[in-house]
N, C-alpha and C. Protein backbone atom coordinates (compact mmCIF):
# COMPACT_ATOMS: atom_id res chain seq x y z
N MET A 1 11.66 85.62 62.79
CA MET A 1 10.53 84.72 62.77
C MET A 1 9.92 84.69 64.17
N PRO A 2 8.61 84.89 64.27
CA PRO A 2 7.99 84.90 65.60
C PRO A 2 7.99 83.52 66.22
N ASN A 3 7.88 83.47 67.51
CA ASN A 3 7.92 82.21 68.24
C ASN A 3 6.58 81.50 68.05
N LEU A 4 6.55 80.45 67.20
CA LEU A 4 5.32 79.73 66.87
C LEU A 4 5.36 78.37 67.55
N ASP A 5 4.21 77.84 67.74
CA ASP A 5 4.23 76.50 68.31
C ASP A 5 4.55 75.48 67.22
N ASP A 6 4.67 74.25 67.59
CA ASP A 6 5.17 73.22 66.66
C ASP A 6 4.22 72.97 65.49
N GLU A 7 2.92 73.04 65.70
CA GLU A 7 1.98 72.77 64.62
C GLU A 7 2.04 73.86 63.56
N GLN A 8 2.12 75.08 63.98
CA GLN A 8 2.21 76.18 63.02
C GLN A 8 3.56 76.11 62.26
N PHE A 9 4.56 75.70 63.00
CA PHE A 9 5.88 75.58 62.36
C PHE A 9 5.86 74.49 61.29
N GLU A 10 5.16 73.38 61.57
CA GLU A 10 5.05 72.31 60.57
C GLU A 10 4.26 72.78 59.36
N LYS A 11 3.18 73.52 59.54
CA LYS A 11 2.42 74.06 58.43
C LYS A 11 3.28 74.99 57.58
N TYR A 12 4.06 75.78 58.30
CA TYR A 12 4.93 76.71 57.60
C TYR A 12 5.95 75.96 56.72
N LEU A 13 6.50 74.87 57.25
CA LEU A 13 7.48 74.09 56.50
C LEU A 13 6.84 73.34 55.33
N LYS A 14 5.58 72.94 55.46
CA LYS A 14 4.89 72.20 54.41
C LYS A 14 4.54 73.09 53.23
N GLN A 15 4.62 74.37 53.38
CA GLN A 15 4.33 75.28 52.28
C GLN A 15 5.41 75.20 51.19
N PHE A 16 6.60 74.85 51.60
CA PHE A 16 7.71 74.82 50.65
C PHE A 16 7.63 73.58 49.79
N ARG A 17 7.69 73.76 48.51
CA ARG A 17 7.67 72.67 47.54
C ARG A 17 8.95 72.78 46.69
N PRO A 18 9.56 71.68 46.40
CA PRO A 18 10.77 71.75 45.55
C PRO A 18 10.38 72.15 44.13
N LEU A 19 11.22 72.92 43.52
CA LEU A 19 10.98 73.36 42.15
C LEU A 19 11.48 72.29 41.18
N VAL A 20 10.78 72.17 40.09
CA VAL A 20 11.19 71.22 39.06
C VAL A 20 12.32 71.88 38.27
N PRO A 21 13.45 71.22 38.16
CA PRO A 21 14.56 71.85 37.44
C PRO A 21 14.28 71.90 35.94
N ASP A 22 14.91 72.85 35.30
CA ASP A 22 14.78 72.96 33.85
C ASP A 22 15.51 71.79 33.20
N LEU A 23 15.05 71.45 32.02
CA LEU A 23 15.72 70.37 31.29
C LEU A 23 17.11 70.82 30.84
N LEU A 24 18.02 69.90 30.88
CA LEU A 24 19.37 70.20 30.44
C LEU A 24 19.38 70.39 28.92
N PRO A 25 20.10 71.38 28.46
CA PRO A 25 20.16 71.56 27.00
C PRO A 25 20.98 70.43 26.39
N ILE A 26 20.41 69.81 25.40
CA ILE A 26 21.08 68.69 24.74
C ILE A 26 21.40 69.11 23.33
N GLU A 27 22.70 69.08 23.01
CA GLU A 27 23.12 69.38 21.65
C GLU A 27 23.57 68.08 21.00
N ILE A 28 23.10 67.87 19.82
CA ILE A 28 23.47 66.66 19.10
C ILE A 28 24.68 67.00 18.23
N ARG A 29 25.79 66.39 18.57
CA ARG A 29 27.01 66.60 17.79
C ARG A 29 27.39 65.28 17.14
N HIS A 30 27.85 65.41 15.94
CA HIS A 30 28.33 64.22 15.26
C HIS A 30 29.75 63.96 15.71
N ALA A 31 30.03 62.73 15.97
CA ALA A 31 31.38 62.37 16.39
C ALA A 31 32.34 62.63 15.23
N PRO A 32 33.55 63.11 15.53
CA PRO A 32 34.49 63.37 14.43
C PRO A 32 34.84 62.07 13.72
N ARG A 33 34.93 62.17 12.45
CA ARG A 33 35.19 60.98 11.64
C ARG A 33 36.69 60.82 11.45
N ARG A 34 37.34 60.39 12.49
CA ARG A 34 38.79 60.25 12.44
C ARG A 34 39.22 59.13 11.51
N HIS A 35 38.44 58.07 11.49
CA HIS A 35 38.83 56.95 10.63
C HIS A 35 38.78 57.35 9.16
N LEU A 36 37.84 58.22 8.81
CA LEU A 36 37.75 58.69 7.43
C LEU A 36 38.95 59.58 7.08
N ALA A 37 39.29 60.47 8.00
CA ALA A 37 40.44 61.36 7.76
C ALA A 37 41.73 60.54 7.68
N LEU A 38 41.88 59.55 8.53
CA LEU A 38 43.06 58.70 8.51
C LEU A 38 43.16 57.92 7.20
N ALA A 39 42.03 57.45 6.72
CA ALA A 39 42.02 56.71 5.45
C ALA A 39 42.41 57.63 4.29
N ILE A 40 41.94 58.86 4.31
CA ILE A 40 42.28 59.82 3.25
C ILE A 40 43.78 60.11 3.27
N TRP A 41 44.35 60.31 4.48
CA TRP A 41 45.79 60.55 4.59
C TRP A 41 46.59 59.36 4.10
N ALA A 42 46.16 58.16 4.43
CA ALA A 42 46.89 56.96 4.02
C ALA A 42 46.86 56.80 2.50
N VAL A 43 45.70 57.03 1.90
CA VAL A 43 45.60 56.92 0.44
C VAL A 43 46.47 57.98 -0.23
N GLY A 44 46.48 59.18 0.30
CA GLY A 44 47.32 60.25 -0.25
C GLY A 44 48.80 59.92 -0.14
N ALA A 45 49.22 59.38 1.01
CA ALA A 45 50.63 59.02 1.18
C ALA A 45 51.03 57.90 0.22
N MET A 46 50.15 56.92 0.04
CA MET A 46 50.46 55.84 -0.89
C MET A 46 50.53 56.37 -2.32
N ALA A 47 49.65 57.28 -2.68
CA ALA A 47 49.66 57.84 -4.03
C ALA A 47 50.95 58.61 -4.28
N ILE A 48 51.38 59.40 -3.30
CA ILE A 48 52.63 60.14 -3.45
C ILE A 48 53.81 59.18 -3.57
N GLY A 49 53.80 58.12 -2.79
CA GLY A 49 54.87 57.13 -2.87
C GLY A 49 54.92 56.44 -4.23
N ILE A 50 53.78 56.07 -4.73
CA ILE A 50 53.72 55.39 -6.04
C ILE A 50 54.18 56.33 -7.15
N ILE A 51 53.74 57.58 -7.11
CA ILE A 51 54.16 58.56 -8.12
C ILE A 51 55.66 58.80 -8.04
N GLY A 52 56.20 58.87 -6.81
CA GLY A 52 57.64 59.08 -6.65
C GLY A 52 58.45 57.92 -7.20
N VAL A 53 58.05 56.69 -6.89
CA VAL A 53 58.78 55.52 -7.38
C VAL A 53 58.68 55.44 -8.91
N ALA A 54 57.50 55.71 -9.44
CA ALA A 54 57.33 55.65 -10.90
C ALA A 54 58.17 56.72 -11.60
N SER A 55 58.22 57.91 -11.04
CA SER A 55 59.02 58.97 -11.67
C SER A 55 60.51 58.65 -11.60
N LEU A 56 60.97 58.09 -10.48
CA LEU A 56 62.38 57.69 -10.40
C LEU A 56 62.68 56.59 -11.41
N TRP A 57 61.79 55.65 -11.57
CA TRP A 57 62.02 54.58 -12.53
C TRP A 57 62.08 55.13 -13.95
N ILE A 58 61.17 56.07 -14.28
CA ILE A 58 61.16 56.66 -15.63
C ILE A 58 62.44 57.44 -15.88
N VAL A 59 62.86 58.26 -14.91
CA VAL A 59 64.07 59.04 -15.09
C VAL A 59 65.28 58.11 -15.23
N ASN A 60 65.36 57.08 -14.42
CA ASN A 60 66.48 56.14 -14.49
C ASN A 60 66.46 55.40 -15.81
N HIS A 61 65.31 55.02 -16.29
CA HIS A 61 65.18 54.30 -17.55
C HIS A 61 65.62 55.19 -18.71
N ARG A 62 65.25 56.46 -18.68
CA ARG A 62 65.65 57.38 -19.75
C ARG A 62 67.16 57.59 -19.75
N ILE A 63 67.74 57.72 -18.58
CA ILE A 63 69.18 57.96 -18.51
C ILE A 63 69.95 56.76 -19.04
N THR A 64 69.54 55.55 -18.68
CA THR A 64 70.27 54.38 -19.14
C THR A 64 70.04 54.12 -20.62
N SER A 65 68.86 54.44 -21.14
CA SER A 65 68.62 54.18 -22.56
C SER A 65 69.31 55.22 -23.43
N GLN A 66 69.49 56.45 -22.93
CA GLN A 66 70.12 57.50 -23.72
C GLN A 66 71.64 57.51 -23.57
N SER A 67 72.15 56.89 -22.53
CA SER A 67 73.59 56.96 -22.29
C SER A 67 74.34 56.04 -23.25
N ASN A 68 75.58 56.38 -23.48
CA ASN A 68 76.43 55.60 -24.36
C ASN A 68 77.12 54.54 -23.52
N HIS A 69 76.84 53.28 -23.80
CA HIS A 69 77.39 52.20 -22.98
C HIS A 69 78.89 52.06 -23.17
N SER A 70 79.41 52.50 -24.33
CA SER A 70 80.85 52.38 -24.55
C SER A 70 81.62 53.43 -23.77
N ALA A 71 80.92 54.47 -23.26
CA ALA A 71 81.60 55.52 -22.53
C ALA A 71 81.89 55.12 -21.09
N LEU A 72 81.35 54.02 -20.66
CA LEU A 72 81.59 53.59 -19.29
C LEU A 72 83.03 53.13 -19.15
N VAL A 73 83.70 53.69 -18.17
CA VAL A 73 85.09 53.35 -17.93
C VAL A 73 85.18 52.71 -16.56
N LYS A 74 85.77 51.56 -16.51
CA LYS A 74 85.94 50.89 -15.23
C LYS A 74 87.29 51.30 -14.66
N LEU A 75 87.24 51.82 -13.46
CA LEU A 75 88.46 52.21 -12.79
C LEU A 75 89.11 50.98 -12.16
N PRO A 76 90.41 50.93 -12.15
CA PRO A 76 91.05 49.77 -11.52
C PRO A 76 90.77 49.79 -10.02
N THR A 77 90.54 48.62 -9.49
CA THR A 77 90.26 48.54 -8.06
C THR A 77 91.55 48.67 -7.29
N ARG A 78 91.50 49.46 -6.25
CA ARG A 78 92.67 49.66 -5.42
C ARG A 78 92.74 48.57 -4.37
N THR A 79 93.91 48.11 -4.16
CA THR A 79 94.08 47.12 -3.11
C THR A 79 94.10 47.83 -1.77
N PRO A 80 93.55 47.24 -0.76
CA PRO A 80 93.55 47.89 0.54
C PRO A 80 94.98 48.01 1.07
N LEU A 81 95.20 49.06 1.84
CA LEU A 81 96.54 49.30 2.35
C LEU A 81 96.95 48.25 3.39
N LEU A 82 96.02 47.82 4.17
CA LEU A 82 96.35 46.85 5.21
C LEU A 82 95.46 45.63 5.05
N THR A 83 96.09 44.52 4.79
CA THR A 83 95.35 43.27 4.69
C THR A 83 95.79 42.38 5.85
N MET A 84 95.13 41.27 6.01
CA MET A 84 95.52 40.33 7.07
C MET A 84 96.93 39.81 6.84
N ARG A 85 97.24 39.55 5.57
CA ARG A 85 98.58 39.04 5.26
C ARG A 85 99.64 40.09 5.60
N ALA A 86 99.36 41.36 5.23
CA ALA A 86 100.33 42.42 5.52
C ALA A 86 100.48 42.62 7.02
N ALA A 87 99.37 42.56 7.75
CA ALA A 87 99.43 42.72 9.20
C ALA A 87 100.23 41.58 9.83
N ASN A 88 100.02 40.36 9.38
CA ASN A 88 100.78 39.22 9.92
C ASN A 88 102.26 39.36 9.60
N ASP A 89 102.58 39.80 8.37
CA ASP A 89 103.99 39.99 8.02
C ASP A 89 104.63 41.05 8.90
N LEU A 90 103.89 42.14 9.15
CA LEU A 90 104.44 43.18 10.01
C LEU A 90 104.70 42.65 11.42
N LEU A 91 103.77 41.86 11.94
CA LEU A 91 103.95 41.31 13.29
C LEU A 91 105.12 40.35 13.36
N VAL A 92 105.35 39.60 12.29
CA VAL A 92 106.45 38.64 12.29
C VAL A 92 107.79 39.36 12.20
N LYS A 93 107.89 40.40 11.36
CA LYS A 93 109.16 41.06 11.10
C LYS A 93 109.50 42.13 12.12
N ALA A 94 108.51 42.70 12.80
CA ALA A 94 108.79 43.81 13.72
C ALA A 94 109.38 43.31 15.02
N PRO A 95 110.21 44.14 15.65
CA PRO A 95 110.81 43.72 16.92
C PRO A 95 109.82 43.71 18.08
N SER A 96 108.77 44.53 18.02
CA SER A 96 107.79 44.54 19.11
C SER A 96 106.42 44.96 18.56
N TYR A 97 105.42 44.74 19.37
CA TYR A 97 104.06 45.11 19.01
C TYR A 97 103.95 46.63 18.89
N LYS A 98 104.63 47.35 19.79
CA LYS A 98 104.60 48.81 19.77
C LYS A 98 105.19 49.35 18.46
N ALA A 99 106.23 48.71 17.97
CA ALA A 99 106.83 49.14 16.70
C ALA A 99 105.85 48.95 15.55
N VAL A 100 105.08 47.86 15.57
CA VAL A 100 104.08 47.63 14.53
C VAL A 100 103.01 48.71 14.57
N MET A 101 102.54 49.04 15.77
CA MET A 101 101.51 50.07 15.90
C MET A 101 102.03 51.43 15.44
N ASN A 102 103.28 51.74 15.77
CA ASN A 102 103.87 53.00 15.32
C ASN A 102 103.99 53.04 13.81
N GLU A 103 104.35 51.94 13.20
CA GLU A 103 104.50 51.89 11.74
C GLU A 103 103.14 52.03 11.05
N LEU A 104 102.10 51.45 11.65
CA LEU A 104 100.77 51.57 11.07
C LEU A 104 100.22 52.99 11.23
N ALA A 105 100.48 53.59 12.39
CA ALA A 105 99.96 54.93 12.64
C ALA A 105 100.73 55.98 11.85
N PHE A 106 102.04 55.81 11.75
CA PHE A 106 102.88 56.78 11.06
C PHE A 106 103.67 56.04 9.99
N PRO A 107 103.08 55.81 8.81
CA PRO A 107 103.78 55.06 7.77
C PRO A 107 105.01 55.83 7.29
N PRO A 108 106.02 55.11 6.84
CA PRO A 108 107.22 55.81 6.36
C PRO A 108 106.90 56.64 5.13
N LYS A 109 107.58 57.76 4.99
CA LYS A 109 107.34 58.65 3.86
C LYS A 109 107.92 58.02 2.61
N SER A 110 107.09 57.84 1.61
CA SER A 110 107.55 57.26 0.36
C SER A 110 107.80 58.32 -0.70
N LEU A 111 107.38 59.56 -0.41
CA LEU A 111 107.57 60.64 -1.36
C LEU A 111 108.99 61.19 -1.25
N THR A 112 109.60 61.34 -2.35
CA THR A 112 110.90 61.99 -2.36
C THR A 112 110.75 63.31 -3.09
N ILE A 113 111.32 64.34 -2.53
CA ILE A 113 111.20 65.68 -3.10
C ILE A 113 112.52 66.01 -3.77
N SER A 114 112.43 66.50 -4.99
CA SER A 114 113.65 66.85 -5.71
C SER A 114 114.29 68.10 -5.10
N ASN A 115 115.52 68.39 -5.49
CA ASN A 115 116.27 69.48 -4.89
C ASN A 115 115.67 70.85 -5.20
N ASP A 116 114.99 70.99 -6.32
CA ASP A 116 114.44 72.29 -6.68
C ASP A 116 113.06 72.54 -6.05
N GLN A 117 112.53 71.57 -5.30
CA GLN A 117 111.22 71.73 -4.65
C GLN A 117 111.39 71.73 -3.14
N GLN A 118 110.37 72.27 -2.45
CA GLN A 118 110.37 72.28 -0.99
C GLN A 118 109.07 71.69 -0.47
N SER A 119 109.16 71.10 0.68
CA SER A 119 107.97 70.58 1.33
C SER A 119 107.33 71.69 2.15
N ALA A 120 106.05 71.86 2.01
CA ALA A 120 105.35 72.89 2.77
C ALA A 120 105.42 72.59 4.26
N LEU A 121 105.33 71.33 4.64
CA LEU A 121 105.40 70.99 6.05
C LEU A 121 106.78 71.28 6.62
N ALA A 122 107.83 71.05 5.82
CA ALA A 122 109.18 71.34 6.30
C ALA A 122 109.37 72.83 6.51
N VAL A 123 108.84 73.64 5.58
CA VAL A 123 108.97 75.09 5.71
C VAL A 123 108.19 75.58 6.92
N LEU A 124 106.99 75.08 7.11
CA LEU A 124 106.16 75.51 8.25
C LEU A 124 106.76 75.06 9.57
N SER A 125 107.41 73.90 9.58
CA SER A 125 107.98 73.43 10.85
C SER A 125 109.18 74.26 11.26
N GLU A 126 109.84 74.94 10.31
CA GLU A 126 110.98 75.78 10.63
C GLU A 126 110.57 77.14 11.17
N GLU A 127 109.36 77.57 10.89
CA GLU A 127 108.91 78.89 11.37
C GLU A 127 108.79 78.88 12.88
N LYS A 128 109.23 79.97 13.47
CA LYS A 128 109.09 80.13 14.92
C LYS A 128 108.17 81.32 15.15
N ILE A 129 107.00 81.02 15.67
CA ILE A 129 105.99 82.05 15.87
C ILE A 129 105.94 82.38 17.35
N LYS A 130 106.06 83.67 17.66
CA LYS A 130 105.97 84.12 19.06
C LYS A 130 104.60 84.73 19.26
N LEU A 131 103.97 84.32 20.29
CA LEU A 131 102.63 84.86 20.58
C LEU A 131 102.71 85.95 21.62
């Protein structure tokens, strides 16, 4: 740029004009309808639940109406092995607390094996395996 005086330099600078920017492109998008999709999923889940409960009720109703009520056999209820009364009796009769715990953990064998039979555990305990 040649050496100009201040007035010419000001004229030179005044020649520049800012350009008008182009308009921004505007796209119109519809917001996703999440509430509608959520409502559809909820209605579908409720419908599946209602159909499932109704089908279970129908199947259960058919089974009970077709079954023979006289064929029902009630099994005798088993008494629990250890009750509070039994535990108290063990504590009273045992010489120590440790003896009670050992008796509960390892109950005495009530099975008796006849002479012509063998216990599998007894046979296995006699085997000596060398590795």
